[in-house]
Amino acid sequence: MVGGRDSEHPAATARGEKAISSGLRKKLAGVEEQLALLMQASSVKIQLEEERGNRINAEKLKLKEKIVKQVAQIKDLKTVADD
């Protein structure tokens, strides 16, 4: 077969396959590196969202405490006014 794979020298074919394999390994390493960075970024994002949620909950708790104090003050004022 002229120009086909059967006419190629076995050593040349092996070198070509080795070069392709090497190229694929390099691409795979790049993809693995990108995946690792993506996973790290995702982890950081989740951590930031959790911290934000914790801050919001802390603010809610402070507001709730303020409201409870104000309600208590109003009750005290009402008691004084009723006397």
Foldseek 3Di string as FASTA:
>chain_A
DPPDPVPDDPVVVVVVVVVVVVVVVVVVVVVVVVVVVVVVVVVVVVVVVVVVVVVVVVVVVVVVVVVVVVVVVVVVVVVVVVD
